[in-house]
mmCIF file of all heavy atoms, coordinates in Angstrom:
data_MODEL
# 
_entry.id   MODEL 
# 
loop_
_atom_site.group_PDB 
_atom_site.id 
_atom_site.type_symbol 
_atom_site.label_atom_id 
_atom_site.label_alt_id 
_atom_site.label_comp_id 
_atom_site.label_asym_id 
_atom_site.label_entity_id 
_atom_site.label_seq_id 
_atom_site.pdbx_PDB_ins_code 
_atom_site.Cartn_x 
_atom_site.Cartn_y 
_atom_site.Cartn_z 
_atom_site.occupancy 
_atom_site.B_iso_or_equiv 
_atom_site.pdbx_formal_charge 
_atom_site.auth_seq_id 
_atom_site.auth_comp_id 
_atom_site.auth_asym_id 
_atom_site.auth_atom_id 
_atom_site.pdbx_PDB_model_num 
ATOM 1   N N   . ARG A 1 1  ? 11.980 88.638  73.089 1.00 0.00 ? 1  ARG A N   1 
ATOM 2   C CA  . ARG A 1 1  ? 11.543 89.860  73.745 1.00 0.00 ? 1  ARG A CA  1 
ATOM 3   C C   . ARG A 1 1  ? 11.243 89.673  75.241 1.00 0.00 ? 1  ARG A C   1 
ATOM 4   O O   . ARG A 1 1  ? 10.440 90.413  75.827 1.00 0.00 ? 1  ARG A O   1 
ATOM 5   C CB  . ARG A 1 1  ? 10.250 90.409  73.077 1.00 0.00 ? 1  ARG A CB  1 
ATOM 6   C CG  . ARG A 1 1  ? 10.380 90.584  71.569 1.00 0.00 ? 1  ARG A CG  1 
ATOM 7   C CD  . ARG A 1 1  ? 11.475 91.589  71.216 1.00 0.00 ? 1  ARG A CD  1 
ATOM 8   N NE  . ARG A 1 1  ? 11.833 91.525  69.808 1.00 0.00 ? 1  ARG A NE  1 
ATOM 9   C CZ  . ARG A 1 1  ? 12.850 92.186  69.256 1.00 0.00 ? 1  ARG A CZ  1 
ATOM 10  N NH1 . ARG A 1 1  ? 13.653 92.901  70.023 1.00 0.00 ? 1  ARG A NH1 1 
ATOM 11  N NH2 . ARG A 1 1  ? 13.113 92.092  67.984 1.00 0.00 ? 1  ARG A NH2 1 
ATOM 12  N N   . SER A 1 2  ? 11.933 88.733  75.848 1.00 0.00 ? 2  SER A N   1 
ATOM 13  C CA  . SER A 1 2  ? 11.753 88.512  77.285 1.00 0.00 ? 2  SER A CA  1 
ATOM 14  C C   . SER A 1 2  ? 12.849 89.192  78.076 1.00 0.00 ? 2  SER A C   1 
ATOM 15  O O   . SER A 1 2  ? 13.867 89.666  77.539 1.00 0.00 ? 2  SER A O   1 
ATOM 16  C CB  . SER A 1 2  ? 11.749 86.990  77.547 1.00 0.00 ? 2  SER A CB  1 
ATOM 17  O OG  . SER A 1 2  ? 12.973 86.379  77.150 1.00 0.00 ? 2  SER A OG  1 
ATOM 18  N N   . LYS A 1 3  ? 12.626 89.250  79.384 1.00 0.00 ? 3  LYS A N   1 
ATOM 19  C CA  . LYS A 1 3  ? 13.565 89.936  80.288 1.00 0.00 ? 3  LYS A CA  1 
ATOM 20  C C   . LYS A 1 3  ? 14.151 88.909  81.281 1.00 0.00 ? 3  LYS A C   1 
ATOM 21  O O   . LYS A 1 3  ? 13.404 88.256  81.991 1.00 0.00 ? 3  LYS A O   1 
ATOM 22  C CB  . LYS A 1 3  ? 12.798 91.031  81.056 1.00 0.00 ? 3  LYS A CB  1 
ATOM 23  C CG  . LYS A 1 3  ? 13.648 91.885  81.978 1.00 0.00 ? 3  LYS A CG  1 
ATOM 24  C CD  . LYS A 1 3  ? 12.777 92.991  82.587 1.00 0.00 ? 3  LYS A CD  1 
ATOM 25  C CE  . LYS A 1 3  ? 13.560 93.913  83.517 1.00 0.00 ? 3  LYS A CE  1 
ATOM 26  N NZ  . LYS A 1 3  ? 12.697 94.989  84.095 1.00 0.00 ? 3  LYS A NZ  1 
ATOM 27  N N   . LEU A 1 4  ? 15.454 88.863  81.316 1.00 0.00 ? 4  LEU A N   1 
ATOM 28  C CA  . LEU A 1 4  ? 16.197 87.976  82.228 1.00 0.00 ? 4  LEU A CA  1 
ATOM 29  C C   . LEU A 1 4  ? 16.878 88.799  83.243 1.00 0.00 ? 4  LEU A C   1 
ATOM 30  O O   . LEU A 1 4  ? 17.706 89.655  82.952 1.00 0.00 ? 4  LEU A O   1 
ATOM 31  C CB  . LEU A 1 4  ? 17.247 87.172  81.425 1.00 0.00 ? 4  LEU A CB  1 
ATOM 32  C CG  . LEU A 1 4  ? 18.318 86.409  82.221 1.00 0.00 ? 4  LEU A CG  1 
ATOM 33  C CD1 . LEU A 1 4  ? 17.690 85.340  83.118 1.00 0.00 ? 4  LEU A CD1 1 
ATOM 34  C CD2 . LEU A 1 4  ? 19.382 85.835  81.305 1.00 0.00 ? 4  LEU A CD2 1 
ATOM 35  N N   . LEU A 1 5  ? 16.556 88.603  84.522 1.00 0.00 ? 5  LEU A N   1 
ATOM 36  C CA  . LEU A 1 5  ? 17.142 89.313  85.639 1.00 0.00 ? 5  LEU A CA  1 
ATOM 37  C C   . LEU A 1 5  ? 18.056 88.357  86.381 1.00 0.00 ? 5  LEU A C   1 
ATOM 38  O O   . LEU A 1 5  ? 17.579 87.277  86.814 1.00 0.00 ? 5  LEU A O   1 
ATOM 39  C CB  . LEU A 1 5  ? 16.062 89.910  86.524 1.00 0.00 ? 5  LEU A CB  1 
ATOM 40  C CG  . LEU A 1 5  ? 16.569 90.842  87.639 1.00 0.00 ? 5  LEU A CG  1 
ATOM 41  C CD1 . LEU A 1 5  ? 15.523 91.915  87.923 1.00 0.00 ? 5  LEU A CD1 1 
ATOM 42  C CD2 . LEU A 1 5  ? 16.879 90.077  88.943 1.00 0.00 ? 5  LEU A CD2 1 
ATOM 43  N N   . MET A 1 6  ? 19.306 88.724  86.581 1.00 0.00 ? 6  MET A N   1 
ATOM 44  C CA  . MET A 1 6  ? 20.288 87.909  87.258 1.00 0.00 ? 6  MET A CA  1 
ATOM 45  C C   . MET A 1 6  ? 20.734 88.604  88.526 1.00 0.00 ? 6  MET A C   1 
ATOM 46  O O   . MET A 1 6  ? 21.206 89.748  88.477 1.00 0.00 ? 6  MET A O   1 
ATOM 47  C CB  . MET A 1 6  ? 21.468 87.613  86.321 1.00 0.00 ? 6  MET A CB  1 
ATOM 48  C CG  . MET A 1 6  ? 21.037 87.161  84.924 1.00 0.00 ? 6  MET A CG  1 
ATOM 49  S SD  . MET A 1 6  ? 22.353 86.621  83.825 1.00 0.00 ? 6  MET A SD  1 
ATOM 50  C CE  . MET A 1 6  ? 22.520 84.889  84.332 1.00 0.00 ? 6  MET A CE  1 
ATOM 51  N N   . ILE A 1 7  ? 20.550 87.934  89.658 1.00 0.00 ? 7  ILE A N   1 
ATOM 52  C CA  . ILE A 1 7  ? 20.777 88.565  90.955 1.00 0.00 ? 7  ILE A CA  1 
ATOM 53  C C   . ILE A 1 7  ? 21.762 87.683  91.754 1.00 0.00 ? 7  ILE A C   1 
ATOM 54  O O   . ILE A 1 7  ? 21.786 86.451  91.606 1.00 0.00 ? 7  ILE A O   1 
ATOM 55  C CB  . ILE A 1 7  ? 19.468 88.784  91.706 1.00 0.00 ? 7  ILE A CB  1 
ATOM 56  C CG1 . ILE A 1 7  ? 19.705 89.693  92.934 1.00 0.00 ? 7  ILE A CG1 1 
ATOM 57  C CG2 . ILE A 1 7  ? 18.767 87.491  92.092 1.00 0.00 ? 7  ILE A CG2 1 
ATOM 58  C CD1 . ILE A 1 7  ? 18.421 90.217  93.552 1.00 0.00 ? 7  ILE A CD1 1 
ATOM 59  N N   . GLY A 1 8  ? 22.532 88.330  92.633 1.00 0.00 ? 8  GLY A N   1 
ATOM 60  C CA  . GLY A 1 8  ? 23.469 87.590  93.435 1.00 0.00 ? 8  GLY A CA  1 
ATOM 61  C C   . GLY A 1 8  ? 24.396 88.525  94.198 1.00 0.00 ? 8  GLY A C   1 
ATOM 62  O O   . GLY A 1 8  ? 24.070 89.669  94.501 1.00 0.00 ? 8  GLY A O   1 
ATOM 63  N N   . ASP A 1 9  ? 25.592 88.033  94.447 1.00 0.00 ? 9  ASP A N   1 
ATOM 64  C CA  . ASP A 1 9  ? 26.603 88.777  95.211 1.00 0.00 ? 9  ASP A CA  1 
ATOM 65  C C   . ASP A 1 9  ? 27.661 89.345  94.284 1.00 0.00 ? 9  ASP A C   1 
ATOM 66  O O   . ASP A 1 9  ? 27.368 89.685  93.132 1.00 0.00 ? 9  ASP A O   1 
ATOM 67  C CB  . ASP A 1 9  ? 27.230 87.875  96.289 1.00 0.00 ? 9  ASP A CB  1 
ATOM 68  C CG  . ASP A 1 9  ? 27.699 86.532  95.705 1.00 0.00 ? 9  ASP A CG  1 
ATOM 69  O OD1 . ASP A 1 9  ? 28.227 86.496  94.592 1.00 0.00 ? 9  ASP A OD1 1 
ATOM 70  O OD2 . ASP A 1 9  ? 27.519 85.497  96.414 1.00 0.00 ? 9  ASP A OD2 1 
ATOM 71  N N   . SER A 1 10 ? 28.917 89.469  94.767 1.00 0.00 ? 10 SER A N   1 
ATOM 72  C CA  . SER A 1 10 ? 29.956 90.114  93.951 1.00 0.00 ? 10 SER A CA  1 
ATOM 73  C C   . SER A 1 10 ? 30.288 89.362  92.686 1.00 0.00 ? 10 SER A C   1 
ATOM 74  O O   . SER A 1 10 ? 30.735 89.969  91.673 1.00 0.00 ? 10 SER A O   1 
ATOM 75  C CB  . SER A 1 10 ? 31.275 90.258  94.783 1.00 0.00 ? 10 SER A CB  1 
ATOM 76  O OG  . SER A 1 10 ? 31.705 89.028  95.246 1.00 0.00 ? 10 SER A OG  1 
ATOM 77  N N   . ILE A 1 11 ? 30.093 88.051  92.674 1.00 0.00 ? 11 ILE A N   1 
ATOM 78  C CA  . ILE A 1 11 ? 30.387 87.263  91.498 1.00 0.00 ? 11 ILE A CA  1 
ATOM 79  C C   . ILE A 1 11 ? 29.437 87.649  90.398 1.00 0.00 ? 11 ILE A C   1 
ATOM 80  O O   . ILE A 1 11 ? 29.763 87.602  89.179 1.00 0.00 ? 11 ILE A O   1 
ATOM 81  C CB  . ILE A 1 11 ? 30.336 85.760  91.812 1.00 0.00 ? 11 ILE A CB  1 
ATOM 82  C CG1 . ILE A 1 11 ? 31.348 85.411  92.903 1.00 0.00 ? 11 ILE A CG1 1 
ATOM 83  C CG2 . ILE A 1 11 ? 30.589 84.916  90.550 1.00 0.00 ? 11 ILE A CG2 1 
ATOM 84  C CD1 . ILE A 1 11 ? 31.160 84.080  93.523 1.00 0.00 ? 11 ILE A CD1 1 
ATOM 85  N N   . THR A 1 12 ? 28.212 88.033  90.733 1.00 0.00 ? 12 THR A N   1 
ATOM 86  C CA  . THR A 1 12 ? 27.243 88.520  89.798 1.00 0.00 ? 12 THR A CA  1 
ATOM 87  C C   . THR A 1 12 ? 27.468 90.012  89.515 1.00 0.00 ? 12 THR A C   1 
ATOM 88  O O   . THR A 1 12 ? 27.435 90.462  88.354 1.00 0.00 ? 12 THR A O   1 
ATOM 89  C CB  . THR A 1 12 ? 25.815 88.304  90.290 1.00 0.00 ? 12 THR A CB  1 
ATOM 90  O OG1 . THR A 1 12 ? 25.603 86.910  90.516 1.00 0.00 ? 12 THR A OG1 1 
ATOM 91  C CG2 . THR A 1 12 ? 24.780 88.827  89.329 1.00 0.00 ? 12 THR A CG2 1 
ATOM 92  N N   . ASP A 1 13 ? 27.711 90.765  90.525 1.00 0.00 ? 13 ASP A N   1 
ATOM 93  C CA  . ASP A 1 13 ? 27.891 92.230  90.429 1.00 0.00 ? 13 ASP A CA  1 
ATOM 94  C C   . ASP A 1 13 ? 28.974 92.615  89.447 1.00 0.00 ? 13 ASP A C   1 
ATOM 95  O O   . ASP A 1 13 ? 28.717 93.237  88.399 1.00 0.00 ? 13 ASP A O   1 
ATOM 96  C CB  . ASP A 1 13 ? 28.228 92.730  91.841 1.00 0.00 ? 13 ASP A CB  1 
ATOM 97  C CG  . ASP A 1 13 ? 28.363 94.273  91.928 1.00 0.00 ? 13 ASP A CG  1 
ATOM 98  O OD1 . ASP A 1 13 ? 28.564 94.936  90.914 1.00 0.00 ? 13 ASP A OD1 1 
ATOM 99  O OD2 . ASP A 1 13 ? 28.250 94.786  93.029 1.00 0.00 ? 13 ASP A OD2 1 
ATOM 100 N N   . CYS A 1 14 ? 30.189 92.314  89.751 1.00 0.00 ? 14 CYS A N   1 
ATOM 101 C CA  . CYS A 1 14 ? 31.353 92.554  88.874 1.00 0.00 ? 14 CYS A CA  1 
ATOM 102 C C   . CYS A 1 14 ? 31.390 93.994  88.321 1.00 0.00 ? 14 CYS A C   1 
ATOM 103 O O   . CYS A 1 14 ? 31.647 94.205  87.125 1.00 0.00 ? 14 CYS A O   1 
ATOM 104 C CB  . CYS A 1 14 ? 31.369 91.562  87.744 1.00 0.00 ? 14 CYS A CB  1 
ATOM 105 S SG  . CYS A 1 14 ? 32.052 89.983  88.212 1.00 0.00 ? 14 CYS A SG  1 
ATOM 106 N N   . GLY A 1 15 ? 31.090 94.977  89.163 1.00 0.00 ? 15 GLY A N   1 
ATOM 107 C CA  . GLY A 1 15 ? 31.211 96.369  88.756 1.00 0.00 ? 15 GLY A CA  1 
ATOM 108 C C   . GLY A 1 15 ? 30.087 96.831  87.871 1.00 0.00 ? 15 GLY A C   1 
ATOM 109 O O   . GLY A 1 15 ? 30.260 97.796  87.106 1.00 0.00 ? 15 GLY A O   1 
ATOM 110 N N   . ARG A 1 16 ? 28.924 96.244  87.978 1.00 0.00 ? 16 ARG A N   1 
ATOM 111 C CA  . ARG A 1 16 ? 27.789 96.632  87.108 1.00 0.00 ? 16 ARG A CA  1 
ATOM 112 C C   . ARG A 1 16 ? 27.321 98.019  87.437 1.00 0.00 ? 16 ARG A C   1 
ATOM 113 O O   . ARG A 1 16 ? 27.575 98.594  88.495 1.00 0.00 ? 16 ARG A O   1 
ATOM 114 C CB  . ARG A 1 16 ? 26.645 95.595  87.241 1.00 0.00 ? 16 ARG A CB  1 
ATOM 115 C CG  . ARG A 1 16 ? 26.101 95.431  88.670 1.00 0.00 ? 16 ARG A CG  1 
ATOM 116 C CD  . ARG A 1 16 ? 24.864 96.263  88.930 1.00 0.00 ? 16 ARG A CD  1 
ATOM 117 N NE  . ARG A 1 16 ? 24.250 95.905  90.193 1.00 0.00 ? 16 ARG A NE  1 
ATOM 118 C CZ  . ARG A 1 16 ? 23.206 96.560  90.683 1.00 0.00 ? 16 ARG A CZ  1 
ATOM 119 N NH1 . ARG A 1 16 ? 22.676 97.577  90.060 1.00 0.00 ? 16 ARG A NH1 1 
ATOM 120 N NH2 . ARG A 1 16 ? 22.665 96.213  91.857 1.00 0.00 ? 16 ARG A NH2 1 
ATOM 121 N N   . GLN A 1 17 ? 26.577 98.588  86.527 1.00 0.00 ? 17 GLN A N   1 
ATOM 122 C CA  . GLN A 1 17 ? 26.045 99.949  86.634 1.00 0.00 ? 17 GLN A CA  1 
ATOM 123 C C   . GLN A 1 17 ? 25.088 100.075 87.847 1.00 0.00 ? 17 GLN A C   1 
ATOM 124 O O   . GLN A 1 17 ? 24.317 99.164  88.089 1.00 0.00 ? 17 GLN A O   1 
ATOM 125 C CB  . GLN A 1 17 ? 25.356 100.352 85.350 1.00 0.00 ? 17 GLN A CB  1 
ATOM 126 C CG  . GLN A 1 17 ? 24.752 101.735 85.312 1.00 0.00 ? 17 GLN A CG  1 
ATOM 127 C CD  . GLN A 1 17 ? 23.811 101.888 84.153 1.00 0.00 ? 17 GLN A CD  1 
ATOM 128 O OE1 . GLN A 1 17 ? 22.749 101.259 84.086 1.00 0.00 ? 17 GLN A OE1 1 
ATOM 129 N NE2 . GLN A 1 17 ? 24.218 102.671 83.144 1.00 0.00 ? 17 GLN A NE2 1 
ATOM 130 N N   . ARG A 1 18 ? 25.149 101.217 88.504 1.00 0.00 ? 18 ARG A N   1 
ATOM 131 C CA  . ARG A 1 18 ? 24.199 101.486 89.557 1.00 0.00 ? 18 ARG A CA  1 
ATOM 132 C C   . ARG A 1 18 ? 23.309 102.653 89.124 1.00 0.00 ? 18 ARG A C   1 
ATOM 133 O O   . ARG A 1 18 ? 23.800 103.563 88.484 1.00 0.00 ? 18 ARG A O   1 
ATOM 134 C CB  . ARG A 1 18 ? 24.879 101.891 90.877 1.00 0.00 ? 18 ARG A CB  1 
ATOM 135 C CG  . ARG A 1 18 ? 25.757 100.809 91.486 1.00 0.00 ? 18 ARG A CG  1 
ATOM 136 C CD  . ARG A 1 18 ? 24.889 99.686  92.065 1.00 0.00 ? 18 ARG A CD  1 
ATOM 137 N NE  . ARG A 1 18 ? 25.640 98.839  92.936 1.00 0.00 ? 18 ARG A NE  1 
ATOM 138 C CZ  . ARG A 1 18 ? 26.402 97.854  92.608 1.00 0.00 ? 18 ARG A CZ  1 
ATOM 139 N NH1 . ARG A 1 18 ? 26.597 97.543  91.328 1.00 0.00 ? 18 ARG A NH1 1 
ATOM 140 N NH2 . ARG A 1 18 ? 27.044 97.127  93.513 1.00 0.00 ? 18 ARG A NH2 1 
ATOM 141 N N   . PRO A 1 19 ? 22.005 102.684 89.435 1.00 0.00 ? 19 PRO A N   1 
ATOM 142 C CA  . PRO A 1 19 ? 21.274 101.589 90.099 1.00 0.00 ? 19 PRO A CA  1 
ATOM 143 C C   . PRO A 1 19 ? 20.711 100.569 89.164 1.00 0.00 ? 19 PRO A C   1 
ATOM 144 O O   . PRO A 1 19 ? 20.244 99.514  89.597 1.00 0.00 ? 19 PRO A O   1 
ATOM 145 C CB  . PRO A 1 19 ? 20.165 102.379 90.833 1.00 0.00 ? 19 PRO A CB  1 
ATOM 146 C CG  . PRO A 1 19 ? 19.841 103.490 89.879 1.00 0.00 ? 19 PRO A CG  1 
ATOM 147 C CD  . PRO A 1 19 ? 21.164 103.894 89.257 1.00 0.00 ? 19 PRO A CD  1 
ATOM 148 N N   . GLY A 1 20 ? 20.633 100.874 87.880 1.00 0.00 ? 20 GLY A N   1 
ATOM 149 C CA  . GLY A 1 20 ? 19.892 100.059 86.962 1.00 0.00 ? 20 GLY A CA  1 
ATOM 150 C C   . GLY A 1 20 ? 20.424 98.660  86.666 1.00 0.00 ? 20 GLY A C   1 
ATOM 151 O O   . GLY A 1 20 ? 19.712 97.676  86.696 1.00 0.00 ? 20 GLY A O   1 
ATOM 152 N N   . GLY A 1 21 ? 21.720 98.593  86.340 1.00 0.00 ? 21 GLY A N   1 
ATOM 153 C CA  . GLY A 1 21 ? 22.323 97.307  86.061 1.00 0.00 ? 21 GLY A CA  1 
ATOM 154 C C   . GLY A 1 21 ? 21.967 96.773  84.655 1.00 0.00 ? 21 GLY A C   1 
ATOM 155 O O   . GLY A 1 21 ? 21.955 95.564  84.477 1.00 0.00 ? 21 GLY A O   1 
ATOM 156 N N   . GLU A 1 22 ? 21.748 97.673  83.716 1.00 0.00 ? 22 GLU A N   1 
ATOM 157 C CA  . GLU A 1 22 ? 21.520 97.232  82.342 1.00 0.00 ? 22 GLU A CA  1 
ATOM 158 C C   . GLU A 1 22 ? 21.892 98.350  81.388 1.00 0.00 ? 22 GLU A C   1 
ATOM 159 O O   . GLU A 1 22 ? 21.919 99.533  81.778 1.00 0.00 ? 22 GLU A O   1 
ATOM 160 C CB  . GLU A 1 22 ? 20.099 96.764  82.110 1.00 0.00 ? 22 GLU A CB  1 
ATOM 161 C CG  . GLU A 1 22 ? 19.046 97.846  82.220 1.00 0.00 ? 22 GLU A CG  1 
ATOM 162 C CD  . GLU A 1 22 ? 17.690 97.339  81.845 1.00 0.00 ? 22 GLU A CD  1 
ATOM 163 O OE1 . GLU A 1 22 ? 17.583 96.618  80.829 1.00 0.00 ? 22 GLU A OE1 1 
ATOM 164 O OE2 . GLU A 1 22 ? 16.725 97.690  82.514 1.00 0.00 ? 22 GLU A OE2 1 
ATOM 165 N N   . GLY A 1 23 ? 22.159 97.983  80.171 1.00 0.00 ? 23 GLY A N   1 
ATOM 166 C CA  . GLY A 1 23 ? 22.510 98.960  79.155 1.00 0.00 ? 23 GLY A CA  1 
ATOM 167 C C   . GLY A 1 23 ? 23.738 98.572  78.399 1.00 0.00 ? 23 GLY A C   1 
ATOM 168 O O   . GLY A 1 23 ? 24.175 97.425  78.462 1.00 0.00 ? 23 GLY A O   1 
ATOM 169 N N   . ALA A 1 24 ? 24.318 99.511  77.687 1.00 0.00 ? 24 ALA A N   1 
ATOM 170 C CA  . ALA A 1 24 ? 25.453 99.227  76.807 1.00 0.00 ? 24 ALA A CA  1 
ATOM 171 C C   . ALA A 1 24 ? 26.774 99.314  77.575 1.00 0.00 ? 24 ALA A C   1 
ATOM 172 O O   . ALA A 1 24 ? 26.855 99.779  78.694 1.00 0.00 ? 24 ALA A O   1 
ATOM 173 C CB  . ALA A 1 24 ? 25.474 100.229 75.665 1.00 0.00 ? 24 ALA A CB  1 
ATOM 174 N N   . PHE A 1 25 ? 27.798 98.787  76.905 1.00 0.00 ? 25 PHE A N   1 
ATOM 175 C CA  . PHE A 1 25 ? 29.195 98.840  77.381 1.00 0.00 ? 25 PHE A CA  1 
ATOM 176 C C   . PHE A 1 25 ? 29.339 98.189  78.757 1.00 0.00 ? 25 PHE A C   1 
ATOM 177 O O   . PHE A 1 25 ? 29.030 97.044  78.893 1.00 0.00 ? 25 PHE A O   1 
ATOM 178 C CB  . PHE A 1 25 ? 29.686 100.284 77.363 1.00 0.00 ? 25 PHE A CB  1 
ATOM 179 C CG  . PHE A 1 25 ? 29.561 100.938 76.001 1.00 0.00 ? 25 PHE A CG  1 
ATOM 180 C CD1 . PHE A 1 25 ? 28.564 101.806 75.724 1.00 0.00 ? 25 PHE A CD1 1 
ATOM 181 C CD2 . PHE A 1 25 ? 30.395 100.542 74.977 1.00 0.00 ? 25 PHE A CD2 1 
ATOM 182 C CE1 . PHE A 1 25 ? 28.402 102.366 74.448 1.00 0.00 ? 25 PHE A CE1 1 
ATOM 183 C CE2 . PHE A 1 25 ? 30.271 101.087 73.695 1.00 0.00 ? 25 PHE A CE2 1 
ATOM 184 C CZ  . PHE A 1 25 ? 29.277 101.992 73.435 1.00 0.00 ? 25 PHE A CZ  1 
ATOM 185 N N   . GLU A 1 26 ? 29.767 98.892  79.810 1.00 0.00 ? 26 GLU A N   1 
ATOM 186 C CA  . GLU A 1 26 ? 30.057 98.212  81.103 1.00 0.00 ? 26 GLU A CA  1 
ATOM 187 C C   . GLU A 1 26 ? 28.858 98.137  82.030 1.00 0.00 ? 26 GLU A C   1 
ATOM 188 O O   . GLU A 1 26 ? 28.988 97.756  83.188 1.00 0.00 ? 26 GLU A O   1 
ATOM 189 C CB  . GLU A 1 26 ? 31.187 98.961  81.832 1.00 0.00 ? 26 GLU A CB  1 
ATOM 190 C CG  . GLU A 1 26 ? 32.540 98.907  81.128 1.00 0.00 ? 26 GLU A CG  1 
ATOM 191 C CD  . GLU A 1 26 ? 32.675 99.962  80.008 1.00 0.00 ? 26 GLU A CD  1 
ATOM 192 O OE1 . GLU A 1 26 ? 31.912 100.951 80.038 1.00 0.00 ? 26 GLU A OE1 1 
ATOM 193 O OE2 . GLU A 1 26 ? 33.460 99.697  79.093 1.00 0.00 ? 26 GLU A OE2 1 
# 
């Protein structure tokens, strides 16, 4: 039940959702 936040540049980004960056699918 912990929360892992991963931050960085485009190698981390990779088209993630804006603004949240979490959830299902892409």
